[in-house]
Protein backbone atom coordinates (compact mmCIF):
# COMPACT_ATOMS: atom_id res chain seq x y z
CA MET A 1 -5.47 25.83 10.10
CA VAL A 2 -1.81 25.60 9.03
CA SER A 3 -1.14 29.27 9.78
CA ARG A 4 -2.74 28.79 13.20
CA LEU A 5 -0.47 25.84 13.88
CA ASN A 6 2.61 27.78 12.77
CA LEU A 7 1.75 30.44 15.36
CA LEU A 8 1.22 27.75 17.97
CA ALA A 9 4.57 26.19 17.07
CA SER A 10 6.32 29.54 17.50
CA ARG A 11 4.66 30.03 20.86
CA GLU A 12 5.60 26.47 21.87
CA ALA A 13 9.22 27.21 21.03
CA LYS A 14 9.21 30.31 23.23
CA LEU A 15 7.48 28.57 26.15
CA SER A 16 9.78 25.57 26.02
CA GLY A 17 12.86 27.74 25.65
CA LYS A 18 13.85 25.90 22.50
CA ARG A 19 15.43 27.71 19.62
CA ILE A 20 17.05 26.81 16.33
CA PRO A 21 20.83 27.32 16.59
CA ASN A 22 22.46 29.67 14.11
CA GLY A 23 24.19 27.86 11.29
CA SER A 24 22.05 24.74 11.65
CA SER A 25 21.72 22.56 8.59
CA PRO A 26 18.39 22.68 6.68
CA LEU A 27 17.66 19.10 7.76
CA ARG A 28 18.17 19.96 11.42
CA TRP A 29 16.01 23.05 11.03
CA ILE A 30 13.17 21.02 9.49
CA GLN A 31 13.42 18.36 12.21
CA LEU A 32 13.16 20.91 15.02
CA CYS A 33 10.32 22.79 13.35
CA TYR A 34 8.47 19.55 12.72
CA ARG A 35 8.81 18.39 16.32
CA LEU A 36 7.41 21.68 17.61
CA TRP A 37 4.66 21.74 14.99
CA ALA A 38 3.55 18.16 15.71
CA GLN A 39 3.51 18.85 19.45
CA SER A 40 1.41 22.00 18.95
CA PHE A 41 -0.87 20.13 16.57
CA SER A 42 -1.44 17.41 19.17
CA ASN A 43 -2.14 19.86 21.99
CA TYR A 44 -4.46 21.92 19.82
CA ILE A 45 -6.61 18.94 18.82
CA CYS A 46 -6.65 17.22 22.20
CA ASN A 47 -7.87 20.43 23.90
CA LEU A 48 -10.92 20.74 21.66
CA THR A 49 -14.11 20.83 23.69
CA LYS A 50 -16.61 20.18 20.90
CA PRO A 51 -16.64 18.63 17.41
CA ASN A 52 -15.19 20.95 14.77
CA PRO A 53 -16.06 20.64 11.03
CA SER A 54 -12.56 21.67 9.98
CA GLN A 55 -11.04 19.00 12.21
CA HIS A 56 -13.45 16.45 10.79
CA THR A 57 -12.07 17.38 7.36
CA LEU A 58 -8.54 16.69 8.58
CA PHE A 59 -9.54 13.22 9.71
CA LEU A 60 -11.28 12.57 6.39
CA SER A 61 -8.17 13.65 4.52
CA LEU A 62 -6.40 10.70 6.06
CA SER A 63 -9.25 8.25 5.43
CA PRO A 64 -8.09 7.07 1.97
CA PHE A 65 -4.89 5.83 3.55
CA LEU A 66 -6.37 3.78 6.40
CA SER A 67 -7.84 0.30 6.40
CA GLY A 68 -9.09 -1.85 9.23
CA SER A 69 -11.83 -1.74 11.81
CA SER A 70 -10.31 1.20 13.66
CA LEU A 71 -10.81 3.71 10.83
CA ARG A 72 -14.46 4.52 11.35
CA SER A 73 -14.05 4.99 15.09
CA SER A 74 -11.10 7.33 14.45
CA VAL A 75 -12.99 9.52 11.98
CA THR A 76 -16.21 9.75 14.03
CA MET A 77 -14.54 10.17 17.39
CA THR A 78 -16.47 12.56 19.68
CA ALA A 79 -15.11 15.38 21.78
CA GLU A 80 -15.59 13.30 24.93
CA VAL A 81 -13.27 10.58 23.67
CA MET A 82 -10.76 13.21 22.54
CA ALA A 83 -10.81 14.71 26.02
CA GLN A 84 -10.03 11.31 27.51
CA GLU A 85 -7.06 11.06 25.19
CA GLU A 86 -5.41 14.23 26.54
CA THR A 87 -3.13 12.09 28.63
CA LYS A 88 -1.86 10.49 25.45
CA THR A 89 -0.39 13.72 24.09
CA ALA A 90 3.06 12.55 25.06
CA GLU A 91 2.53 9.40 23.01
CA VAL A 92 1.70 11.52 19.98
CA VAL A 93 4.96 13.44 20.31
CA VAL A 94 6.87 10.20 20.80
CA ALA A 95 5.29 8.80 17.64
CA ALA A 96 6.33 11.93 15.78
CA ALA A 97 9.86 11.65 17.08
CA LYS A 98 10.05 8.04 15.95
CA VAL A 99 9.30 9.07 12.39
CA GLU A 100 12.20 11.52 12.54
CA GLU A 101 14.58 9.10 14.18
CA GLU A 102 14.28 6.43 11.48
CA PRO A 103 16.91 7.96 9.17
CA GLN A 104 19.34 8.38 12.07
CA LYS A 105 18.86 4.74 13.05
CA GLU A 106 19.53 3.70 9.47
CA GLU A 107 22.74 5.72 9.47
CA ASN A 108 23.88 4.02 12.67
CA VAL A 109 23.22 0.63 11.14
CA ALA A 110 25.20 1.73 8.11
CA ASP A 111 28.20 2.62 10.28
CA VAL A 112 28.15 -0.81 11.89
CA GLU A 113 27.78 -2.70 8.63
CA SER A 114 30.55 -0.69 6.97
CA LYS A 115 33.00 -2.32 9.37
CA GLU A 116 32.04 -5.80 8.23
CA SER A 117 33.67 -8.05 5.63
CA PRO A 118 34.72 -6.82 2.14
CA VAL A 119 32.13 -6.11 -0.54
CA LYS A 120 30.63 -9.18 -2.17
CA PRO A 121 27.43 -9.91 -4.10
CA LYS A 122 24.40 -11.03 -2.13
CA MET A 123 20.65 -11.29 -2.50
CA VAL A 124 18.57 -8.15 -2.05
CA GLU A 125 17.56 -7.41 1.54
CA LYS A 126 13.99 -8.23 2.55
CA SER A 127 11.94 -6.86 5.41
CA SER A 128 12.20 -9.21 8.38
CA SER A 129 8.91 -8.03 9.95
CA TYR A 130 6.73 -8.71 6.92
CA LYS A 131 5.02 -12.04 7.42
CA GLU A 132 1.44 -13.02 6.76
CA GLU A 133 -0.41 -14.71 9.62
CA SER A 134 -0.77 -18.45 9.35
CA ASN A 135 -4.12 -19.94 8.36
CA PHE A 136 -3.25 -23.51 9.33
CA LEU A 137 -5.39 -24.89 12.16
CA SER A 138 -2.30 -26.27 13.87
CA ASP A 139 -0.81 -22.76 14.12
CA LEU A 140 -3.88 -21.14 15.66
CA LYS A 141 -4.12 -20.44 19.37
CA ASP A 142 -6.74 -22.32 21.37
CA PHE A 143 -9.16 -19.39 21.59
CA GLU A 144 -8.75 -18.72 17.86
CA ARG A 145 -9.49 -22.34 16.97
CA LYS A 146 -12.50 -22.32 19.28
CA ALA A 147 -13.82 -19.11 17.70
CA LEU A 148 -13.39 -20.55 14.20
CA ASN A 149 -15.34 -23.71 15.08
CA GLU A 150 -18.11 -21.64 16.66
CA PHE A 151 -18.22 -19.42 13.57
CA LYS A 152 -18.57 -22.48 11.35
CA SER A 153 -21.44 -23.84 13.44
CA LYS A 154 -23.36 -20.56 13.26
CA LEU A 155 -22.76 -20.33 9.53
CA GLU A 156 -23.86 -23.92 8.86
CA GLU A 157 -27.03 -23.41 10.85
CA ALA A 158 -27.82 -20.11 9.11
CA ILE A 159 -27.30 -21.47 5.59
CA LEU A 160 -29.23 -24.71 6.09
CA GLY A 161 -31.97 -22.87 7.99
CA ASP A 162 -32.18 -20.22 5.26
CA THR A 163 -31.65 -17.43 7.81
CA LEU A 164 -28.40 -16.04 6.45
CA PHE A 165 -30.34 -13.20 4.83
CA GLU A 166 -33.01 -11.38 6.79
CA LYS A 167 -36.44 -11.32 5.25
CA GLU A 168 -37.46 -7.80 4.28
CA LYS A 169 -40.50 -6.53 6.17
CA PRO A 170 -43.07 -4.29 4.46
CA LYS A 171 -42.43 -0.65 5.31
CA LYS A 172 -45.02 1.15 7.48
CA GLU A 173 -47.04 3.97 5.98
CA GLU A 174 -45.10 7.17 6.37
CA THR A 175 -48.20 9.43 6.27
CA LEU A 176 -51.94 8.91 6.49
CA ALA A 177 -52.44 10.96 3.33
CA VAL A 178 -50.99 8.31 1.04
CA SER A 179 -53.67 6.94 -1.26
CA ASP A 180 -54.66 3.29 -1.30
CA GLU A 181 -53.75 3.06 -4.97
CA LYS A 182 -50.25 4.32 -4.29
CA ASN A 183 -49.91 1.86 -1.43
CA LYS A 184 -51.01 -0.95 -3.71
CA GLY A 185 -48.54 0.17 -6.35
CA GLU A 186 -45.72 0.26 -3.83
CA GLU A 187 -46.66 -3.17 -2.51
CA GLY A 188 -46.64 -4.49 -6.06
CA GLU A 189 -43.18 -3.07 -6.62
CA LYS A 190 -41.96 -4.62 -3.37
CA VAL A 191 -43.28 -8.02 -4.38
CA GLU A 192 -41.56 -7.74 -7.74
CA GLY A 193 -38.40 -6.59 -6.00
CA LYS A 194 -38.52 -9.59 -3.70
CA GLU A 195 -38.93 -11.92 -6.64
CA GLU A 196 -35.94 -10.34 -8.35
CA GLU A 197 -33.84 -10.66 -5.19
CA LYS A 198 -34.95 -14.25 -4.84
CA GLY A 199 -33.74 -14.89 -8.35
CA VAL A 200 -30.38 -13.36 -7.49
CA GLU A 201 -30.12 -15.55 -4.40
CA VAL A 202 -30.60 -18.69 -6.46
CA GLU A 203 -28.10 -17.45 -9.06
CA GLU A 204 -25.46 -16.66 -6.44
CA GLY A 205 -26.14 -19.79 -4.44
CA CYS A 206 -27.51 -18.10 -1.33
CA GLY A 207 -30.25 -20.69 -0.79
CA ASP A 208 -28.78 -24.09 0.09
CA GLU A 209 -25.23 -22.80 -0.24
CA ALA A 210 -23.38 -19.47 -0.23
CA PHE A 211 -20.15 -18.52 -1.97
CA LEU A 212 -17.62 -15.75 -1.38
CA TRP A 213 -14.66 -15.17 -3.71
CA GLY A 214 -15.25 -18.58 -5.25
CA VAL A 215 -15.17 -20.40 -1.89
CA SER A 216 -18.19 -22.34 -0.59
CA LEU A 217 -19.19 -21.04 2.84
CA LEU A 218 -21.08 -24.19 3.81
CA PRO A 219 -18.68 -25.79 6.34
CA SER A 220 -19.99 -29.32 5.76
CA LYS A 221 -18.83 -29.03 2.13
CA GLY A 222 -15.24 -28.90 3.40
CA ALA A 223 -14.01 -26.29 0.93
CA GLU A 224 -10.25 -25.92 1.19
CA GLY A 225 -10.36 -22.14 1.45
CA ILE A 226 -13.18 -21.73 3.98
CA ASP A 227 -10.86 -21.41 6.98
CA VAL A 228 -8.86 -18.68 5.25
CA VAL A 229 -11.98 -16.68 4.38
CA LEU A 230 -13.61 -17.01 7.81
CA LEU A 231 -10.37 -16.16 9.62
CA LYS A 232 -10.26 -12.85 7.75
CA PHE A 233 -13.59 -11.85 9.25
CA LEU A 234 -12.62 -13.14 12.70
CA ARG A 235 -9.34 -11.23 12.71
CA ALA A 236 -11.07 -8.06 11.55
CA ARG A 237 -13.35 -8.35 14.59
CA GLU A 238 -10.68 -9.56 17.04
CA PHE A 239 -12.15 -13.09 17.09
CA LYS A 240 -15.53 -11.95 18.40
CA VAL A 241 -17.71 -14.55 16.72
CA ASN A 242 -21.01 -12.66 16.75
CA ASP A 243 -19.40 -9.51 15.35
CA ALA A 244 -17.60 -11.49 12.65
CA PHE A 245 -20.82 -13.31 11.74
CA GLU A 246 -22.73 -10.03 11.38
CA MET A 247 -19.91 -8.61 9.27
CA LEU A 248 -20.05 -11.62 6.94
CA LYS A 249 -23.84 -11.36 6.61
CA LYS A 250 -23.61 -7.66 5.72
CA THR A 251 -20.87 -8.38 3.18
CA LEU A 252 -22.94 -11.05 1.44
CA LYS A 253 -25.99 -8.78 1.44
CA TRP A 254 -23.98 -5.88 -0.01
CA ARG A 255 -22.50 -8.08 -2.74
CA LYS A 256 -25.95 -9.33 -3.71
CA GLU A 257 -27.58 -5.89 -3.74
CA SER A 258 -24.65 -4.29 -5.58
CA ARG A 259 -24.26 -7.25 -7.97
CA ILE A 260 -20.53 -7.32 -7.33
CA ASP A 261 -20.09 -10.66 -9.07
CA SER A 262 -20.99 -8.95 -12.36
CA VAL A 263 -18.57 -6.04 -11.90
CA LEU A 264 -15.70 -8.05 -13.41
CA ASP A 265 -17.47 -8.01 -16.78
CA GLN A 266 -18.14 -4.27 -16.67
CA ASP A 267 -16.18 -1.82 -18.86
CA PHE A 268 -14.96 1.47 -17.39
CA ASP A 269 -13.17 4.56 -18.69
CA SER A 270 -9.61 3.55 -19.64
CA ASP A 271 -8.29 6.82 -18.14
CA LEU A 272 -8.97 5.44 -14.66
CA ALA A 273 -6.17 2.93 -15.18
CA SER A 274 -3.68 5.69 -14.36
CA ALA A 275 -5.22 6.16 -10.89
CA ALA A 276 -4.83 2.58 -9.66
CA TYR A 277 -3.52 -0.65 -11.14
CA MET A 278 -2.04 -4.05 -10.30
CA ASN A 279 1.63 -4.54 -11.19
CA GLY A 280 3.96 -7.35 -10.13
CA VAL A 281 4.41 -9.19 -6.83
CA ASP A 282 6.45 -8.63 -3.69
CA HIS A 283 9.11 -10.85 -2.11
CA GLU A 284 6.43 -13.10 -0.57
CA GLY A 285 4.30 -13.33 -3.70
CA HIS A 286 1.62 -10.79 -2.71
CA PRO A 287 0.15 -9.03 -5.76
CA VAL A 288 1.01 -5.32 -5.64
CA CYS A 289 -1.67 -2.65 -6.11
CA TYR A 290 -0.55 0.92 -6.85
CA ASN A 291 -2.86 3.81 -5.91
CA ILE A 292 -1.76 7.02 -7.65
CA PHE A 293 -3.50 9.93 -5.94
CA GLY A 294 -1.67 12.46 -8.11
CA ALA A 295 -3.60 11.24 -11.17
CA PHE A 296 -6.55 13.36 -10.07
CA GLU A 297 -4.45 16.50 -10.23
CA SER A 298 -5.60 16.56 -13.85
CA GLU A 299 -8.76 18.70 -13.95
CA ASP A 300 -9.93 16.83 -17.04
CA LEU A 301 -9.78 13.41 -15.36
CA TYR A 302 -11.19 14.87 -12.15
CA ARG A 303 -14.32 16.15 -13.90
CA LYS A 304 -14.74 12.93 -15.88
CA THR A 305 -14.52 10.89 -12.69
CA PHE A 306 -16.35 12.99 -10.10
CA GLY A 307 -18.39 15.46 -12.18
CA THR A 308 -21.77 13.88 -11.44
CA GLU A 309 -23.29 11.50 -8.91
CA GLU A 310 -23.52 8.83 -11.61
CA LYS A 311 -19.82 9.15 -12.45
CA ARG A 312 -18.89 8.94 -8.76
CA GLY A 313 -20.93 5.74 -8.55
CA GLU A 314 -19.01 4.33 -11.52
CA PHE A 315 -15.76 5.23 -9.78
CA LEU A 316 -16.79 3.20 -6.72
CA ARG A 317 -17.68 0.19 -8.87
CA TRP A 318 -14.41 0.52 -10.80
CA ARG A 319 -12.44 0.45 -7.52
CA CYS A 320 -14.38 -2.63 -6.42
CA GLN A 321 -13.56 -4.23 -9.76
CA LEU A 322 -9.86 -3.61 -9.19
CA MET A 323 -10.13 -5.23 -5.76
CA GLU A 324 -11.94 -8.24 -7.20
CA LYS A 325 -9.26 -8.62 -9.89
CA GLY A 326 -6.61 -8.53 -7.20
CA ILE A 327 -8.41 -11.24 -5.21
CA GLN A 328 -8.46 -13.44 -8.31
CA LYS A 329 -4.66 -13.44 -8.13
CA LEU A 330 -4.71 -14.75 -4.54
CA ASN A 331 -4.59 -18.32 -3.31
CA LEU A 332 -7.28 -18.55 -0.62
CA LYS A 333 -5.96 -21.78 0.84
CA PRO A 334 -3.91 -22.45 3.99
CA GLY A 335 -0.29 -21.61 3.22
CA GLY A 336 -1.21 -19.62 0.12
CA VAL A 337 -0.81 -15.90 -0.49
CA SER A 338 -4.18 -14.51 0.61
CA SER A 339 -3.67 -10.73 0.74
CA LEU A 340 -2.40 -7.80 -1.33
CA LEU A 341 0.36 -5.26 -0.89
CA GLN A 342 -0.80 -1.67 -1.42
CA ILE A 343 1.44 1.17 -2.55
CA ASN A 344 -0.11 4.61 -2.04
CA ASP A 345 1.70 7.32 -4.00
CA LEU A 346 0.85 10.74 -2.54
CA LYS A 347 2.94 12.75 -4.99
CA ASN A 348 0.93 15.71 -6.32
CA SER A 349 -2.11 14.49 -4.39
CA PRO A 350 -4.95 17.06 -4.51
CA GLY A 351 -5.42 16.65 -0.76
CA PRO A 352 -8.60 17.25 1.25
CA SER A 353 -9.56 20.48 -0.56
CA LYS A 354 -11.34 18.59 -3.36
CA LYS A 355 -14.78 17.87 -1.91
CA GLU A 356 -15.89 15.29 -4.49
CA LEU A 357 -12.67 13.31 -4.15
CA ARG A 358 -12.88 13.50 -0.37
CA VAL A 359 -16.45 12.15 -0.35
CA ALA A 360 -15.66 9.41 -2.88
CA THR A 361 -12.56 8.25 -1.02
CA LYS A 362 -14.49 8.17 2.23
CA GLN A 363 -17.09 5.94 0.56
CA ILE A 364 -14.58 3.58 -1.01
CA VAL A 365 -12.65 3.24 2.26
CA ALA A 366 -15.90 2.33 4.03
CA ILE A 367 -16.69 -0.25 1.34
CA LEU A 368 -13.23 -1.82 1.43
CA GLN A 369 -12.95 -2.01 5.21
CA ASP A 370 -16.48 -3.39 5.65
CA ASN A 371 -16.48 -5.92 2.82
CA TYR A 372 -12.85 -6.88 2.16
CA PRO A 373 -11.41 -7.60 5.63
CA GLU A 374 -7.73 -8.45 6.00
CA MET A 375 -7.18 -8.27 2.24
CA VAL A 376 -4.23 -5.88 2.59
CA ALA A 377 -1.07 -7.26 4.18
CA LYS A 378 0.78 -3.94 4.13
CA ASN A 379 0.02 -0.32 3.25
CA ILE A 380 3.10 1.55 2.04
CA PHE A 381 2.84 5.33 1.60
CA ILE A 382 5.47 6.90 -0.65
CA ASN A 383 6.28 10.48 -1.62
CA VAL A 384 4.61 11.48 1.62
CA PRO A 385 4.15 15.26 2.07
CA PHE A 386 5.23 17.01 5.24
CA TRP A 387 1.71 17.50 6.62
CA TYR A 388 1.06 13.74 6.62
CA TYR A 389 3.64 13.15 9.36
CA ALA A 390 1.77 15.45 11.73
CA LEU A 391 -1.55 13.74 11.01
CA ASN A 392 0.03 10.31 11.39
CA ALA A 393 1.48 11.30 14.77
CA LEU A 394 -1.85 12.73 15.83
CA LEU A 395 -3.89 9.63 14.97
CA SER A 396 -1.34 7.11 16.21
CA PRO A 397 -2.79 6.77 19.75
CA PHE A 398 -6.27 6.14 18.34
CA LEU A 399 -5.29 3.22 16.09
CA THR A 400 -4.84 -0.37 17.17
CA GLN A 401 -1.36 -1.84 17.10
CA ARG A 402 -2.56 -4.28 14.45
CA THR A 403 -3.60 -1.43 12.16
CA LYS A 404 -0.43 0.60 12.79
CA SER A 405 1.77 -2.41 12.10
CA LYS A 406 0.49 -2.44 8.51
CA PHE A 407 1.62 1.14 7.79
CA VAL A 408 4.97 2.03 6.23
CA ILE A 409 5.80 5.66 5.42
CA ALA A 410 8.53 6.79 3.01
CA ARG A 411 9.72 10.29 2.20
CA PRO A 412 10.41 11.17 -1.46
CA ASN A 413 14.14 10.49 -1.12
CA LYS A 414 13.52 7.07 0.46
CA VAL A 415 11.03 5.64 -2.04
CA THR A 416 13.27 3.10 -3.80
CA GLU A 417 15.05 2.10 -0.60
CA THR A 418 11.72 1.42 1.13
CA LEU A 419 10.15 -0.45 -1.77
CA THR A 420 13.15 -2.78 -2.17
CA LYS A 421 12.57 -4.06 1.37
CA TYR A 422 9.24 -5.48 0.26
CA ILE A 423 9.39 -5.81 -3.53
CA PRO A 424 12.17 -7.25 -5.72
CA ILE A 425 13.99 -4.48 -7.62
CA GLU A 426 13.12 -6.22 -10.89
CA GLU A 427 9.40 -5.94 -9.98
CA ILE A 428 9.51 -2.22 -9.10
CA PRO A 429 8.52 0.12 -11.98
CA VAL A 430 11.40 2.15 -13.38
CA HIS A 431 9.80 5.48 -12.38
CA TYR A 432 10.08 4.34 -8.75
CA GLY A 433 13.75 3.48 -9.15
CA GLY A 434 13.28 -0.18 -10.09
CA PHE A 435 14.19 -2.22 -13.15
CA LYS A 436 10.70 -3.09 -14.43
CA ARG A 437 9.82 -1.59 -17.82
CA GLU A 438 6.69 -2.00 -19.88
CA ASN A 439 7.11 -4.39 -22.83
CA ASP A 440 10.75 -5.02 -21.91
CA SER A 441 12.54 -6.73 -24.80
CA GLU A 442 15.82 -7.23 -22.90
CA PHE A 443 14.87 -8.87 -19.59
CA SER A 444 12.09 -11.25 -18.60
CA ALA A 445 10.92 -12.95 -15.40
CA GLN A 446 13.03 -15.98 -16.34
CA ASP A 447 16.28 -14.00 -16.17
CA GLY A 448 16.57 -14.41 -12.39
CA THR A 449 16.87 -11.94 -9.55
CA ALA A 450 19.15 -8.96 -9.14
CA SER A 451 22.32 -8.98 -7.04
CA GLU A 452 23.35 -6.51 -4.37
CA LEU A 453 26.63 -4.98 -3.24
CA ILE A 454 27.28 -2.93 -0.13
CA LEU A 455 29.72 -0.15 -0.96
CA LYS A 456 31.56 1.24 2.05
CA ALA A 457 32.05 4.95 2.56
CA GLY A 458 35.08 6.27 0.68
CA SER A 459 35.61 3.03 -1.26
CA THR A 460 35.43 1.93 -4.90
CA VAL A 461 33.89 -1.21 -6.34
CA THR A 462 33.98 -2.74 -9.82
CA ILE A 463 31.46 -5.11 -11.36
CA GLU A 464 32.91 -7.28 -14.13
CA ILE A 465 30.70 -8.83 -16.82
CA PRO A 466 32.53 -11.38 -19.00
CA ALA A 467 32.12 -11.16 -22.79
CA LEU A 468 34.41 -13.96 -23.91
CA GLU A 469 32.99 -14.59 -27.37
CA VAL A 470 33.14 -12.18 -30.28
CA GLY A 471 29.69 -10.78 -30.98
CA ASN A 472 28.43 -11.03 -27.40
CA THR A 473 25.77 -8.44 -26.60
CA VAL A 474 25.81 -7.50 -22.92
CA CYS A 475 22.86 -5.71 -21.33
CA TRP A 476 22.76 -4.48 -17.74
CA ASP A 477 20.60 -2.60 -15.24
CA LEU A 478 22.20 -0.85 -12.29
CA THR A 479 21.15 1.53 -9.55
CA VAL A 480 22.71 2.91 -6.39
CA LEU A 481 20.21 3.83 -3.68
CA GLY A 482 20.63 7.52 -3.04
CA TRP A 483 23.42 7.67 -5.66
CA GLU A 484 25.82 10.62 -4.89
CA VAL A 485 28.67 8.55 -6.36
CA SER A 486 30.89 8.66 -9.45
CA TYR A 487 30.08 6.07 -12.09
CA LYS A 488 31.66 4.91 -15.36
CA GLU A 489 31.42 2.02 -17.83
CA GLU A 490 34.17 0.59 -20.03
CA PHE A 491 35.11 -2.49 -22.03
CA ILE A 492 38.54 -3.98 -21.33
CA PRO A 493 39.78 -6.46 -24.00
CA THR A 494 41.53 -9.66 -22.95
CA ASP A 495 44.42 -8.82 -25.30
CA ASP A 496 46.77 -6.44 -23.47
CA GLY A 497 47.68 -4.87 -26.80
CA SER A 498 44.12 -3.69 -27.45
CA TYR A 499 42.66 -0.41 -26.32
CA THR A 500 40.08 0.02 -23.58
CA VAL A 501 36.73 1.19 -24.94
CA ILE A 502 34.88 3.88 -22.98
CA VAL A 503 31.21 2.86 -22.94
CA GLN A 504 30.10 5.62 -20.56
CA LYS A 505 32.61 8.19 -19.38
CA GLY A 506 32.80 8.81 -15.66
CA LYS A 507 30.40 11.31 -14.16
CA LYS A 508 28.96 12.31 -10.80
CA MET A 509 25.50 10.81 -10.29
CA GLY A 510 23.09 12.98 -8.27
CA SER A 511 20.73 11.70 -5.61
CA GLN A 512 17.71 11.95 -7.92
CA GLU A 513 19.18 9.79 -10.71
CA GLY A 514 17.14 6.83 -11.85
CA PRO A 515 18.40 3.35 -12.72
CA VAL A 516 20.93 2.96 -15.54
CA ARG A 517 20.39 0.59 -18.47
CA ASN A 518 22.95 0.12 -21.20
CA THR A 519 24.12 -2.44 -23.76
CA PHE A 520 27.44 -3.19 -25.44
CA ARG A 521 28.41 -5.53 -28.30
CA ASN A 522 32.05 -6.61 -28.37
CA ASN A 523 34.26 -7.18 -31.39
CA GLU A 524 36.87 -9.12 -29.41
CA PRO A 525 36.97 -11.14 -26.17
CA GLY A 526 37.07 -9.13 -22.96
CA LYS A 527 34.89 -7.87 -20.16
CA VAL A 528 32.57 -4.97 -19.39
CA VAL A 529 33.64 -3.20 -16.19
CA LEU A 530 31.27 -0.98 -14.21
CA THR A 531 33.11 1.22 -11.69
CA ILE A 532 31.41 2.96 -8.76
CA ASP A 533 33.39 5.37 -6.58
CA ASN A 534 31.74 6.28 -3.29
CA THR A 535 33.30 9.54 -2.08
CA SER A 536 30.58 10.15 0.51
CA ASN A 537 30.76 9.32 4.21
CA LYS A 538 27.85 6.87 4.04
CA LYS A 539 27.64 3.33 2.77
CA LYS A 540 25.68 2.69 -0.42
CA ARG A 541 23.57 -0.20 -1.69
CA VAL A 542 24.26 -1.18 -5.29
CA LEU A 543 21.65 -3.28 -7.11
CA TYR A 544 22.38 -4.71 -10.53
CA ARG A 545 21.66 -7.45 -13.03
CA TYR A 546 23.05 -8.33 -16.43
CA LYS A 547 22.37 -10.61 -19.36
CA ILE A 548 24.70 -11.90 -22.06
CA ASN A 549 23.24 -12.63 -25.47
CA ASN A 550 25.51 -14.93 -27.46
CA LYS A 551 23.62 -14.59 -30.74
CA ILE A 552 25.33 -12.52 -33.41
CA PRO A 553 22.78 -10.20 -35.09
CA PHE A 554 22.78 -10.11 -38.89
């Protein structure tokens, strides 16, 4: 498929008369090639006249990264719908161009901001477009409030009338050759099964009352979180009450049949913890879930996880357990944090070639989108490979604006910069360029937030940390987004007659450098001075924090 697209891209270049100028920079070359490739990719897919298994695989390869009601329709789209979307080819190319233009826009913003006031500390920048929808009745629109009230009425009637769960009807005989004894045996099993299910209903409160995520769904009970829960289903179905009601019924049925309430007590292989885990919160308090697709690059873990049907089933339950644990961290009340932030790391991802992983991810995506509506506030994709941009541009016209608004894509060299817009630097793991370390003995959550400096192009900035008492131990974390600066650390005594102590001699920091942590204990009053020299033609963001320990170690 890729080789075919490369040929199409070459042909597109000839037909359009475009060529790559001699002496172009590698970045410019990649941008031009990508634009032509994405355009050829779009034309190739939109001109398909019948469903193609290989194309279906391409859609499935993207399925682990999508959430929302639009996913299933995107993956199962027929050739007729694709043909109707031919007119949207231009939109696909525009979407692709927008992905490319982001860095240029950022550079333009940098030029403007570099002309502003002198460098001074400030709080870390947050994303201005990242805001969870209100669950207060007073903030809802009239049609939303009306839909919520109608939803409550239907739910109250169904629970009190014991019609929330459909009664199972005996299955018809499949063949006339089935013996009466076998039929009797099957009927006996069905009766026993019904009794077991009935027992589960009583245990989970599905008779006179139903619960979901610890919230009573009986409106007359007046549970504080019922509006938040019901609004999730309504928003997932665009406030179509009947659709939302059916979705809720199916969710409750699935939870009962799968015994999801017991999954929290289940033990799974500890190796799976490297594939997905909860770690920290974002600027708004959303718990952060990291999905590490590269973990399955290990053949050993891959076989242990997907080697048999039973193991794949355990993987699905483990992923549901992680989701349930995340929900336990939420506050399902109006004004509370009621959704998660997901970070999807695609570095070293096996991709769609692994059949078992592809099937399992398709299943888990279906489970999450059908039974955990509106539980993800934002989906951030980091270390995104080149091919993902083409697929993202291709699928863009088929996704709702609501779904697309939840996607954020970051190239490998923009990971830390992107994450800091949503997550405090002190909550970002150190391997993603943040300050958070496991079992950190130096800094804790009580030590406050990091500060930020904007370093203009061609300028130098110094950060001074006072150490006025003998025996002070100073500890600091510092990072420069994108680095490409010169950096040094020194201790300057207050006494002019004393010598300056070189803590870290000056050196050029490359773009791939991680955050710096260092400590210094003084033997006389003075200050620690961190010097950053920006010799590049772009502004830089400096993030840092420090802590002074006045205790003298024995």
